[in-house]
């Protein structure tokens, strides 16, 4: 929590954005969504080793309760919500990744 307070004073926060993470119903029996998220986070860990940073974030439609719960169950916390130009309210969720 102390680290997050330090970030408030910065104009730019080095972070990684996971975009377009989704599961195709055609393959729903091949693997779970947690597998996709874990793979994406593992790629971010590799980038952290090369480039630094410790924060990963993603977006979800605020109305998609099961998706939001999934991300929260996997260690993401809500940062903020915004009404987008397309009229959909999206939530930004973040997760602090330690380098160990």
PDB file of N, CA and C in Angstrom:
ATOM      1  N   UNK A   1       0.826  -1.184   0.000  1.00  0.00           N
ATOM      2  CA  UNK A   1       0.000   0.000   0.000  1.00  0.00           C
ATOM      3  C   UNK A   1       0.872   1.250   0.000  1.00  0.00           C
ATOM      4  N   UNK A   2       1.958   1.210   0.739  1.00  0.00           N
ATOM      5  CA  UNK A   2       2.870   2.343   0.784  1.00  0.00           C
ATOM      6  C   UNK A   2       3.406   2.638  -0.617  1.00  0.00           C
ATOM      7  N   UNK A   3       3.753   1.597  -1.378  1.00  0.00           N
ATOM      8  CA  UNK A   3       4.249   1.782  -2.742  1.00  0.00           C
ATOM      9  C   UNK A   3       3.213   2.477  -3.620  1.00  0.00           C
ATOM     10  N   UNK A   4       1.947   2.128  -3.470  1.00  0.00           N
ATOM     11  CA  UNK A   4       0.900   2.733  -4.285  1.00  0.00           C
ATOM     12  C   UNK A   4       0.773   4.222  -3.985  1.00  0.00           C
ATOM     13  N   UNK A   5       0.979   4.636  -2.729  1.00  0.00           N
ATOM     14  CA  UNK A   5       0.925   6.059  -2.399  1.00  0.00           C
ATOM     15  C   UNK A   5       2.041   6.824  -3.097  1.00  0.00           C
ATOM     16  N   UNK A   6       3.205   6.227  -3.243  1.00  0.00           N
ATOM     17  CA  UNK A   6       4.304   6.874  -3.950  1.00  0.00           C
ATOM     18  C   UNK A   6       3.962   7.092  -5.417  1.00  0.00           C
ATOM     19  N   UNK A   7       3.180   6.193  -5.981  1.00  0.00           N
ATOM     20  CA  UNK A   7       2.824   6.292  -7.393  1.00  0.00           C
ATOM     21  C   UNK A   7       1.899   7.469  -7.674  1.00  0.00           C
ATOM     22  N   UNK A   8       1.138   7.893  -6.688  1.00  0.00           N
ATOM     23  CA  UNK A   8       0.208   9.005  -6.883  1.00  0.00           C
ATOM     24  C   UNK A   8       0.937  10.296  -7.235  1.00  0.00           C
ATOM     25  N   UNK A   9       2.188  10.407  -6.818  1.00  0.00           N
ATOM     26  CA  UNK A   9       2.958  11.622  -7.058  1.00  0.00           C
ATOM     27  C   UNK A   9       3.605  11.631  -8.444  1.00  0.00           C
ATOM     28  N   UNK A  10       3.562  10.541  -9.145  1.00  0.00           N
ATOM     29  CA  UNK A  10       4.189  10.448 -10.462  1.00  0.00           C
ATOM     30  C   UNK A  10       3.173  10.748 -11.561  1.00  0.00           C
ATOM     31  N   UNK A  11       3.649  11.397 -12.624  1.00  0.00           N
ATOM     32  CA  UNK A  11       2.774  11.661 -13.765  1.00  0.00           C
ATOM     33  C   UNK A  11       2.644  10.439 -14.666  1.00  0.00           C
ATOM     34  N   UNK A  12       3.688   9.643 -14.740  1.00  0.00           N
ATOM     35  CA  UNK A  12       3.693   8.442 -15.573  1.00  0.00           C
ATOM     36  C   UNK A  12       4.083   7.259 -14.701  1.00  0.00           C
ATOM     37  N   UNK A  13       3.326   6.194 -14.804  1.00  0.00           N
ATOM     38  CA  UNK A  13       3.609   4.989 -14.029  1.00  0.00           C
ATOM     39  C   UNK A  13       3.952   3.873 -15.013  1.00  0.00           C
ATOM     40  N   UNK A  14       5.182   3.351 -14.957  1.00  0.00           N
ATOM     41  CA  UNK A  14       5.526   2.243 -15.855  1.00  0.00           C
ATOM     42  C   UNK A  14       4.625   1.038 -15.565  1.00  0.00           C
ATOM     43  N   UNK A  15       3.947   0.558 -16.590  1.00  0.00           N
ATOM     44  CA  UNK A  15       3.025  -0.557 -16.383  1.00  0.00           C
ATOM     45  C   UNK A  15       2.845  -1.320 -17.693  1.00  0.00           C
ATOM     46  N   UNK A  16       2.194  -2.452 -17.588  1.00  0.00           N
ATOM     47  CA  UNK A  16       1.923  -3.310 -18.736  1.00  0.00           C
ATOM     48  C   UNK A  16       0.415  -3.483 -18.853  1.00  0.00           C
ATOM     49  N   UNK A  17      -0.104  -3.331 -20.062  1.00  0.00           N
ATOM     50  CA  UNK A  17      -1.533  -3.442 -20.319  1.00  0.00           C
ATOM     51  C   UNK A  17      -1.807  -4.759 -21.036  1.00  0.00           C
ATOM     52  N   UNK A  18      -2.666  -5.565 -20.453  1.00  0.00           N
ATOM     53  CA  UNK A  18      -3.103  -6.802 -21.101  1.00  0.00           C
ATOM     54  C   UNK A  18      -4.387  -6.469 -21.857  1.00  0.00           C
ATOM     55  N   UNK A  19      -4.321  -6.547 -23.180  1.00  0.00           N
ATOM     56  CA  UNK A  19      -5.470  -6.186 -24.018  1.00  0.00           C
ATOM     57  C   UNK A  19      -6.015  -7.418 -24.731  1.00  0.00           C
ATOM     58  N   UNK A  20      -7.285  -7.414 -24.963  1.00  0.00           N
ATOM     59  CA  UNK A  20      -7.959  -8.448 -25.749  1.00  0.00           C
ATOM     60  C   UNK A  20      -7.769  -9.854 -25.193  1.00  0.00           C
ATOM     61  N   UNK A  21      -7.758  -9.967 -23.888  1.00  0.00           N
ATOM     62  CA  UNK A  21      -7.711 -11.292 -23.277  1.00  0.00           C
ATOM     63  C   UNK A  21      -9.129 -11.843 -23.321  1.00  0.00           C
ATOM     64  N   UNK A  22      -9.305 -12.920 -24.019  1.00  0.00           N
ATOM     65  CA  UNK A  22     -10.639 -13.475 -24.139  1.00  0.00           C
ATOM     66  C   UNK A  22     -10.584 -14.961 -24.407  1.00  0.00           C
ATOM     67  N   UNK A  23     -11.694 -15.582 -24.219  1.00  0.00           N
ATOM     68  CA  UNK A  23     -11.777 -17.016 -24.394  1.00  0.00           C
ATOM     69  C   UNK A  23     -12.804 -17.303 -25.485  1.00  0.00           C
ATOM     70  N   UNK A  24     -12.423 -18.073 -26.458  1.00  0.00           N
ATOM     71  CA  UNK A  24     -13.298 -18.443 -27.554  1.00  0.00           C
ATOM     72  C   UNK A  24     -14.092 -19.678 -27.131  1.00  0.00           C
ATOM     73  N   UNK A  25     -15.429 -19.592 -27.207  1.00  0.00           N
ATOM     74  CA  UNK A  25     -16.269 -20.720 -26.794  1.00  0.00           C
ATOM     75  C   UNK A  25     -15.981 -21.991 -27.584  1.00  0.00           C
ATOM     76  N   UNK A  26     -15.416 -21.853 -28.774  1.00  0.00           N
ATOM     77  CA  UNK A  26     -15.076 -23.021 -29.580  1.00  0.00           C
ATOM     78  C   UNK A  26     -14.034 -23.895 -28.865  1.00  0.00           C
ATOM     79  N   UNK A  27     -13.218 -23.263 -28.000  1.00  0.00           N
ATOM     80  CA  UNK A  27     -12.160 -23.987 -27.298  1.00  0.00           C
ATOM     81  C   UNK A  27     -12.406 -24.064 -25.795  1.00  0.00           C
ATOM     82  N   UNK A  28     -13.645 -23.866 -25.346  1.00  0.00           N
ATOM     83  CA  UNK A  28     -13.913 -23.757 -23.914  1.00  0.00           C
ATOM     84  C   UNK A  28     -13.594 -25.022 -23.125  1.00  0.00           C
ATOM     85  N   UNK A  29     -13.499 -26.151 -23.769  1.00  0.00           N
ATOM     86  CA  UNK A  29     -13.168 -27.376 -23.044  1.00  0.00           C
ATOM     87  C   UNK A  29     -11.677 -27.702 -23.102  1.00  0.00           C
ATOM     88  N   UNK A  30     -10.908 -26.938 -23.858  1.00  0.00           N
ATOM     89  CA  UNK A  30      -9.479 -27.203 -24.004  1.00  0.00           C
ATOM     90  C   UNK A  30      -8.657 -26.662 -22.834  1.00  0.00           C
ATOM     91  N   UNK A  31      -9.044 -25.515 -22.295  1.00  0.00           N
ATOM     92  CA  UNK A  31      -8.322 -24.913 -21.173  1.00  0.00           C
ATOM     93  C   UNK A  31      -9.205 -23.868 -20.510  1.00  0.00           C
ATOM     94  N   UNK A  32      -8.828 -23.487 -19.299  1.00  0.00           N
ATOM     95  CA  UNK A  32      -9.609 -22.519 -18.532  1.00  0.00           C
ATOM     96  C   UNK A  32      -9.089 -21.101 -18.741  1.00  0.00           C
ATOM     97  N   UNK A  33      -9.935 -20.124 -18.441  1.00  0.00           N
ATOM     98  CA  UNK A  33      -9.550 -18.721 -18.538  1.00  0.00           C
ATOM     99  C   UNK A  33      -8.354 -18.394 -17.670  1.00  0.00           C
ATOM    100  N   UNK A  34      -8.245 -19.071 -16.529  1.00  0.00           N
ATOM    101  CA  UNK A  34      -7.109 -18.836 -15.638  1.00  0.00           C
ATOM    102  C   UNK A  34      -5.799 -19.155 -16.349  1.00  0.00           C
ATOM    103  N   UNK A  35      -5.803 -20.162 -17.199  1.00  0.00           N
ATOM    104  CA  UNK A  35      -4.606 -20.508 -17.967  1.00  0.00           C
ATOM    105  C   UNK A  35      -4.184 -19.333 -18.849  1.00  0.00           C
ATOM    106  N   UNK A  36      -5.142 -18.731 -19.558  1.00  0.00           N
ATOM    107  CA  UNK A  36      -4.833 -17.583 -20.422  1.00  0.00           C
ATOM    108  C   UNK A  36      -4.266 -16.420 -19.615  1.00  0.00           C
ATOM    109  N   UNK A  37      -4.901 -16.118 -18.487  1.00  0.00           N
ATOM    110  CA  UNK A  37      -4.442 -15.009 -17.654  1.00  0.00           C
ATOM    111  C   UNK A  37      -3.059 -15.292 -17.091  1.00  0.00           C
ATOM    112  N   UNK A  38      -2.835 -16.509 -16.612  1.00  0.00           N
ATOM    113  CA  UNK A  38      -1.513 -16.873 -16.081  1.00  0.00           C
ATOM    114  C   UNK A  38      -0.433 -16.757 -17.156  1.00  0.00           C
ATOM    115  N   UNK A  39      -0.735 -17.194 -18.369  1.00  0.00           N
ATOM    116  CA  UNK A  39       0.235 -17.087 -19.464  1.00  0.00           C
ATOM    117  C   UNK A  39       0.554 -15.626 -19.776  1.00  0.00           C
ATOM    118  N   UNK A  40      -0.472 -14.784 -19.812  1.00  0.00           N
ATOM    119  CA  UNK A  40      -0.254 -13.355 -20.078  1.00  0.00           C
ATOM    120  C   UNK A  40       0.598 -12.723 -18.979  1.00  0.00           C
ATOM    121  N   UNK A  41       0.294 -13.038 -17.729  1.00  0.00           N
ATOM    122  CA  UNK A  41       1.062 -12.480 -16.603  1.00  0.00           C
ATOM    123  C   UNK A  41       2.500 -12.995 -16.636  1.00  0.00           C
ATOM    124  N   UNK A  42       2.704 -14.248 -17.009  1.00  0.00           N
ATOM    125  CA  UNK A  42       4.070 -14.780 -17.113  1.00  0.00           C
ATOM    126  C   UNK A  42       4.878 -14.052 -18.187  1.00  0.00           C
ATOM    127  N   UNK A  43       4.239 -13.690 -19.277  1.00  0.00           N
ATOM    128  CA  UNK A  43       4.923 -12.898 -20.308  1.00  0.00           C
ATOM    129  C   UNK A  43       5.308 -11.537 -19.741  1.00  0.00           C
ATOM    130  N   UNK A  44       4.413 -10.940 -18.965  1.00  0.00           N
ATOM    131  CA  UNK A  44       4.715  -9.645 -18.332  1.00  0.00           C
ATOM    132  C   UNK A  44       5.897  -9.790 -17.382  1.00  0.00           C
ATOM    133  N   UNK A  45       5.944 -10.879 -16.611  1.00  0.00           N
ATOM    134  CA  UNK A  45       7.094 -11.102 -15.718  1.00  0.00           C
ATOM    135  C   UNK A  45       8.400 -11.111 -16.513  1.00  0.00           C
ATOM    136  N   UNK A  46       8.395 -11.725 -17.685  1.00  0.00           N
ATOM    137  CA  UNK A  46       9.585 -11.723 -18.532  1.00  0.00           C
ATOM    138  C   UNK A  46       9.977 -10.317 -18.954  1.00  0.00           C
ATOM    139  N   UNK A  47       8.987  -9.504 -19.263  1.00  0.00           N
ATOM    140  CA  UNK A  47       9.252  -8.105 -19.639  1.00  0.00           C
ATOM    141  C   UNK A  47       9.777  -7.308 -18.457  1.00  0.00           C
ATOM    142  N   UNK A  48       9.246  -7.573 -17.276  1.00  0.00           N
ATOM    143  CA  UNK A  48       9.709  -6.878 -16.072  1.00  0.00           C
ATOM    144  C   UNK A  48      11.195  -7.134 -15.870  1.00  0.00           C
ATOM    145  N   UNK A  49      11.623  -8.369 -16.111  1.00  0.00           N
ATOM    146  CA  UNK A  49      13.033  -8.702 -15.969  1.00  0.00           C
ATOM    147  C   UNK A  49      13.918  -7.923 -16.928  1.00  0.00           C
ATOM    148  N   UNK A  50      13.388  -7.587 -18.094  1.00  0.00           N
ATOM    149  CA  UNK A  50      14.158  -6.860 -19.106  1.00  0.00           C
ATOM    150  C   UNK A  50      14.003  -5.346 -19.012  1.00  0.00           C
ATOM    151  N   UNK A  51      12.795  -4.894 -18.725  1.00  0.00           N
ATOM    152  CA  UNK A  51      12.486  -3.469 -18.836  1.00  0.00           C
ATOM    153  C   UNK A  51      12.135  -2.781 -17.521  1.00  0.00           C
ATOM    154  N   UNK A  52      11.842  -3.559 -16.477  1.00  0.00           N
ATOM    155  CA  UNK A  52      11.432  -2.968 -15.206  1.00  0.00           C
ATOM    156  C   UNK A  52       9.924  -2.800 -15.128  1.00  0.00           C
ATOM    157  N   UNK A  53       9.490  -2.105 -14.083  1.00  0.00           N
ATOM    158  CA  UNK A  53       8.059  -1.934 -13.833  1.00  0.00           C
ATOM    159  C   UNK A  53       7.530  -3.073 -12.990  1.00  0.00           C
ATOM    160  N   UNK A  54       6.393  -2.869 -12.367  1.00  0.00           N
ATOM    161  CA  UNK A  54       5.821  -3.920 -11.525  1.00  0.00           C
ATOM    162  C   UNK A  54       4.297  -3.954 -11.568  1.00  0.00           C
ATOM    163  N   UNK A  55       3.690  -3.172 -12.431  1.00  0.00           N
ATOM    164  CA  UNK A  55       2.231  -3.094 -12.438  1.00  0.00           C
ATOM    165  C   UNK A  55       1.698  -3.589 -13.776  1.00  0.00           C
ATOM    166  N   UNK A  56       0.656  -4.418 -13.699  1.00  0.00           N
ATOM    167  CA  UNK A  56      -0.050  -4.867 -14.890  1.00  0.00           C
ATOM    168  C   UNK A  56      -1.503  -4.445 -14.720  1.00  0.00           C
ATOM    169  N   UNK A  57      -2.126  -4.038 -15.810  1.00  0.00           N
ATOM    170  CA  UNK A  57      -3.524  -3.631 -15.728  1.00  0.00           C
ATOM    171  C   UNK A  57      -4.289  -4.109 -16.948  1.00  0.00           C
ATOM    172  N   UNK A  58      -5.601  -4.121 -16.802  1.00  0.00           N
ATOM    173  CA  UNK A  58      -6.484  -4.537 -17.871  1.00  0.00           C
ATOM    174  C   UNK A  58      -7.818  -3.845 -17.698  1.00  0.00           C
ATOM    175  N   UNK A  59      -8.673  -3.997 -18.678  1.00  0.00           N
ATOM    176  CA  UNK A  59     -10.003  -3.397 -18.619  1.00  0.00           C
ATOM    177  C   UNK A  59     -11.062  -4.475 -18.779  1.00  0.00           C
ATOM    178  N   UNK A  60     -12.219  -4.200 -18.192  1.00  0.00           N
ATOM    179  CA  UNK A  60     -13.367  -5.086 -18.335  1.00  0.00           C
ATOM    180  C   UNK A  60     -14.628  -4.232 -18.332  1.00  0.00           C
ATOM    181  N   UNK A  61     -15.638  -4.681 -19.049  1.00  0.00           N
ATOM    182  CA  UNK A  61     -16.926  -3.997 -18.980  1.00  0.00           C
ATOM    183  C   UNK A  61     -17.447  -4.120 -17.556  1.00  0.00           C
ATOM    184  N   UNK A  62     -17.819  -2.997 -16.977  1.00  0.00           N
ATOM    185  CA  UNK A  62     -18.248  -2.994 -15.579  1.00  0.00           C
ATOM    186  C   UNK A  62     -19.471  -3.882 -15.358  1.00  0.00           C
ATOM    187  N   UNK A  63     -20.317  -4.004 -16.363  1.00  0.00           N
ATOM    188  CA  UNK A  63     -21.534  -4.811 -16.245  1.00  0.00           C
ATOM    189  C   UNK A  63     -21.260  -6.315 -16.343  1.00  0.00           C
ATOM    190  N   UNK A  64     -20.078  -6.700 -16.768  1.00  0.00           N
ATOM    191  CA  UNK A  64     -19.738  -8.123 -16.928  1.00  0.00           C
ATOM    192  C   UNK A  64     -19.282  -8.678 -15.582  1.00  0.00           C
ATOM    193  N   UNK A  65     -20.242  -8.917 -14.702  1.00  0.00           N
ATOM    194  CA  UNK A  65     -19.937  -9.315 -13.326  1.00  0.00           C
ATOM    195  C   UNK A  65     -19.022 -10.529 -13.236  1.00  0.00           C
ATOM    196  N   UNK A  66     -19.281 -11.548 -14.043  1.00  0.00           N
ATOM    197  CA  UNK A  66     -18.468 -12.767 -13.939  1.00  0.00           C
ATOM    198  C   UNK A  66     -17.021 -12.501 -14.343  1.00  0.00           C
ATOM    199  N   UNK A  67     -16.808 -11.613 -15.311  1.00  0.00           N
ATOM    200  CA  UNK A  67     -15.447 -11.275 -15.747  1.00  0.00           C
ATOM    201  C   UNK A  67     -14.731 -10.488 -14.655  1.00  0.00           C
ATOM    202  N   UNK A  68     -15.415  -9.501 -14.079  1.00  0.00           N
ATOM    203  CA  UNK A  68     -14.827  -8.689 -13.007  1.00  0.00           C
ATOM    204  C   UNK A  68     -14.479  -9.574 -11.811  1.00  0.00           C
ATOM    205  N   UNK A  69     -15.378 -10.467 -11.439  1.00  0.00           N
ATOM    206  CA  UNK A  69     -15.114 -11.390 -10.325  1.00  0.00           C
ATOM    207  C   UNK A  69     -13.912 -12.275 -10.644  1.00  0.00           C
ATOM    208  N   UNK A  70     -13.823 -12.764 -11.874  1.00  0.00           N
ATOM    209  CA  UNK A  70     -12.690 -13.592 -12.294  1.00  0.00           C
ATOM    210  C   UNK A  70     -11.372 -12.852 -12.089  1.00  0.00           C
ATOM    211  N   UNK A  71     -11.296 -11.601 -12.557  1.00  0.00           N
ATOM    212  CA  UNK A  71     -10.062 -10.830 -12.400  1.00  0.00           C
ATOM    213  C   UNK A  71      -9.756 -10.566 -10.927  1.00  0.00           C
ATOM    214  N   UNK A  72     -10.769 -10.226 -10.156  1.00  0.00           N
ATOM    215  CA  UNK A  72     -10.550  -9.968  -8.722  1.00  0.00           C
ATOM    216  C   UNK A  72     -10.101 -11.244  -8.007  1.00  0.00           C
ATOM    217  N   UNK A  73     -10.668 -12.376  -8.371  1.00  0.00           N
ATOM    218  CA  UNK A  73     -10.256 -13.655  -7.778  1.00  0.00           C
ATOM    219  C   UNK A  73      -8.807 -13.998  -8.124  1.00  0.00           C
ATOM    220  N   UNK A  74      -8.281 -13.379  -9.175  1.00  0.00           N
ATOM    221  CA  UNK A  74      -6.904 -13.621  -9.596  1.00  0.00           C
ATOM    222  C   UNK A  74      -5.969 -12.476  -9.219  1.00  0.00           C
ATOM    223  N   UNK A  75      -6.360 -11.708  -8.202  1.00  0.00           N
ATOM    224  CA  UNK A  75      -5.467 -10.724  -7.606  1.00  0.00           C
ATOM    225  C   UNK A  75      -5.526  -9.314  -8.146  1.00  0.00           C
ATOM    226  N   UNK A  76      -6.428  -9.020  -9.063  1.00  0.00           N
ATOM    227  CA  UNK A  76      -6.563  -7.659  -9.580  1.00  0.00           C
ATOM    228  C   UNK A  76      -7.504  -6.868  -8.680  1.00  0.00           C
ATOM    229  N   UNK A  77      -7.247  -5.574  -8.561  1.00  0.00           N
ATOM    230  CA  UNK A  77      -8.127  -4.697  -7.792  1.00  0.00           C
ATOM    231  C   UNK A  77      -8.616  -3.571  -8.699  1.00  0.00           C
ATOM    232  N   UNK A  78      -9.810  -3.070  -8.397  1.00  0.00           N
ATOM    233  CA  UNK A  78     -10.374  -1.991  -9.206  1.00  0.00           C
ATOM    234  C   UNK A  78      -9.618  -0.697  -8.961  1.00  0.00           C
ATOM    235  N   UNK A  79      -9.214  -0.056 -10.032  1.00  0.00           N
ATOM    236  CA  UNK A  79      -8.559   1.241  -9.948  1.00  0.00           C
ATOM    237  C   UNK A  79      -9.578   2.348 -10.171  1.00  0.00           C
ATOM    238  N   UNK A  80     -10.324   2.246 -11.262  1.00  0.00           N
ATOM    239  CA  UNK A  80     -11.340   3.250 -11.578  1.00  0.00           C
ATOM    240  C   UNK A  80     -12.262   2.708 -12.652  1.00  0.00           C
ATOM    241  N   UNK A  81     -13.366   3.421 -12.863  1.00  0.00           N
ATOM    242  CA  UNK A  81     -14.292   3.106 -13.950  1.00  0.00           C
ATOM    243  C   UNK A  81     -14.514   4.369 -14.759  1.00  0.00           C
ATOM    244  N   UNK A  82     -14.711   4.181 -16.057  1.00  0.00           N
ATOM    245  CA  UNK A  82     -14.952   5.314 -16.949  1.00  0.00           C
ATOM    246  C   UNK A  82     -16.038   4.959 -17.949  1.00  0.00           C
ATOM    247  N   UNK A  83     -16.890   5.931 -18.229  1.00  0.00           N
ATOM    248  CA  UNK A  83     -17.858   5.774 -19.299  1.00  0.00           C
ATOM    249  C   UNK A  83     -17.147   6.113 -20.603  1.00  0.00           C
ATOM    250  N   UNK A  84     -17.077   5.165 -21.512  1.00  0.00           N
ATOM    251  CA  UNK A  84     -16.359   5.337 -22.773  1.00  0.00           C
ATOM    252  C   UNK A  84     -17.256   5.999 -23.821  1.00  0.00           C
ATOM    253  N   UNK A  85     -16.650   6.428 -24.902  1.00  0.00           N
ATOM    254  CA  UNK A  85     -17.387   7.098 -25.984  1.00  0.00           C
ATOM    255  C   UNK A  85     -18.479   6.216 -26.581  1.00  0.00           C
ATOM    256  N   UNK A  86     -18.285   4.903 -26.518  1.00  0.00           N
ATOM    257  CA  UNK A  86     -19.293   3.988 -27.070  1.00  0.00           C
ATOM    258  C   UNK A  86     -20.460   3.746 -26.111  1.00  0.00           C
ATOM    259  N   UNK A  87     -20.453   4.458 -24.962  1.00  0.00           N
ATOM    260  CA  UNK A  87     -21.538   4.345 -23.997  1.00  0.00           C
ATOM    261  C   UNK A  87     -21.390   3.204 -23.013  1.00  0.00           C
ATOM    262  N   UNK A  88     -20.294   2.471 -23.081  1.00  0.00           N
ATOM    263  CA  UNK A  88     -20.054   1.344 -22.177  1.00  0.00           C
ATOM    264  C   UNK A  88     -19.127   1.792 -21.059  1.00  0.00           C
ATOM    265  N   UNK A  89     -19.510   1.459 -19.827  1.00  0.00           N
ATOM    266  CA  UNK A  89     -18.647   1.784 -18.690  1.00  0.00           C
ATOM    267  C   UNK A  89     -17.625   0.668 -18.514  1.00  0.00           C
ATOM    268  N   UNK A  90     -16.363   1.042 -18.571  1.00  0.00           N
ATOM    269  CA  UNK A  90     -15.281   0.069 -18.426  1.00  0.00           C
ATOM    270  C   UNK A  90     -14.515   0.330 -17.139  1.00  0.00           C
ATOM    271  N   UNK A  91     -14.124  -0.748 -16.516  1.00  0.00           N
ATOM    272  CA  UNK A  91     -13.380  -0.705 -15.268  1.00  0.00           C
ATOM    273  C   UNK A  91     -11.924  -1.040 -15.555  1.00  0.00           C
ATOM    274  N   UNK A  92     -11.026  -0.248 -14.984  1.00  0.00           N
ATOM    275  CA  UNK A  92      -9.608  -0.577 -15.054  1.00  0.00           C
ATOM    276  C   UNK A  92      -9.244  -1.303 -13.756  1.00  0.00           C
ATOM    277  N   UNK A  93      -8.582  -2.439 -13.904  1.00  0.00           N
ATOM    278  CA  UNK A  93      -8.143  -3.237 -12.765  1.00  0.00           C
ATOM    279  C   UNK A  93      -6.632  -3.368 -12.829  1.00  0.00           C
ATOM    280  N   UNK A  94      -5.983  -3.337 -11.679  1.00  0.00           N
ATOM    281  CA  UNK A  94      -4.524  -3.396 -11.622  1.00  0.00           C
ATOM    282  C   UNK A  94      -4.071  -4.509 -10.687  1.00  0.00           C
ATOM    283  N   UNK A  95      -2.840  -4.941 -10.923  1.00  0.00           N
ATOM    284  CA  UNK A  95      -2.215  -5.944 -10.064  1.00  0.00           C
ATOM    285  C   UNK A  95      -0.742  -5.587  -9.938  1.00  0.00           C
ATOM    286  N   UNK A  96      -0.248  -5.600  -8.718  1.00  0.00           N
ATOM    287  CA  UNK A  96       1.163  -5.343  -8.449  1.00  0.00           C
ATOM    288  C   UNK A  96       1.901  -6.670  -8.529  1.00  0.00           C
ATOM    289  N   UNK A  97       2.919  -6.740  -9.368  1.00  0.00           N
ATOM    290  CA  UNK A  97       3.714  -7.960  -9.514  1.00  0.00           C
ATOM    291  C   UNK A  97       5.070  -7.731  -8.863  1.00  0.00           C
ATOM    292  N   UNK A  98       5.386  -8.533  -7.867  1.00  0.00           N
ATOM    293  CA  UNK A  98       6.733  -8.391  -7.306  1.00  0.00           C
ATOM    294  C   UNK A  98       7.699  -9.197  -8.155  1.00  0.00           C
ATOM    295  N   UNK A  99       8.950  -8.852  -8.061  1.00  0.00           N
ATOM    296  CA  UNK A  99       9.959  -9.427  -8.966  1.00  0.00           C
ATOM    297  C   UNK A  99      10.515 -10.757  -8.490  1.00  0.00           C
ATOM    298  N   UNK A 100      10.006 -11.295  -7.440  1.00  0.00           N
ATOM    299  CA  UNK A 100      10.554 -12.544  -6.888  1.00  0.00           C
ATOM    300  C   UNK A 100       9.916 -13.747  -7.516  1.00  0.00           C
TER     301      UNK A 100
END
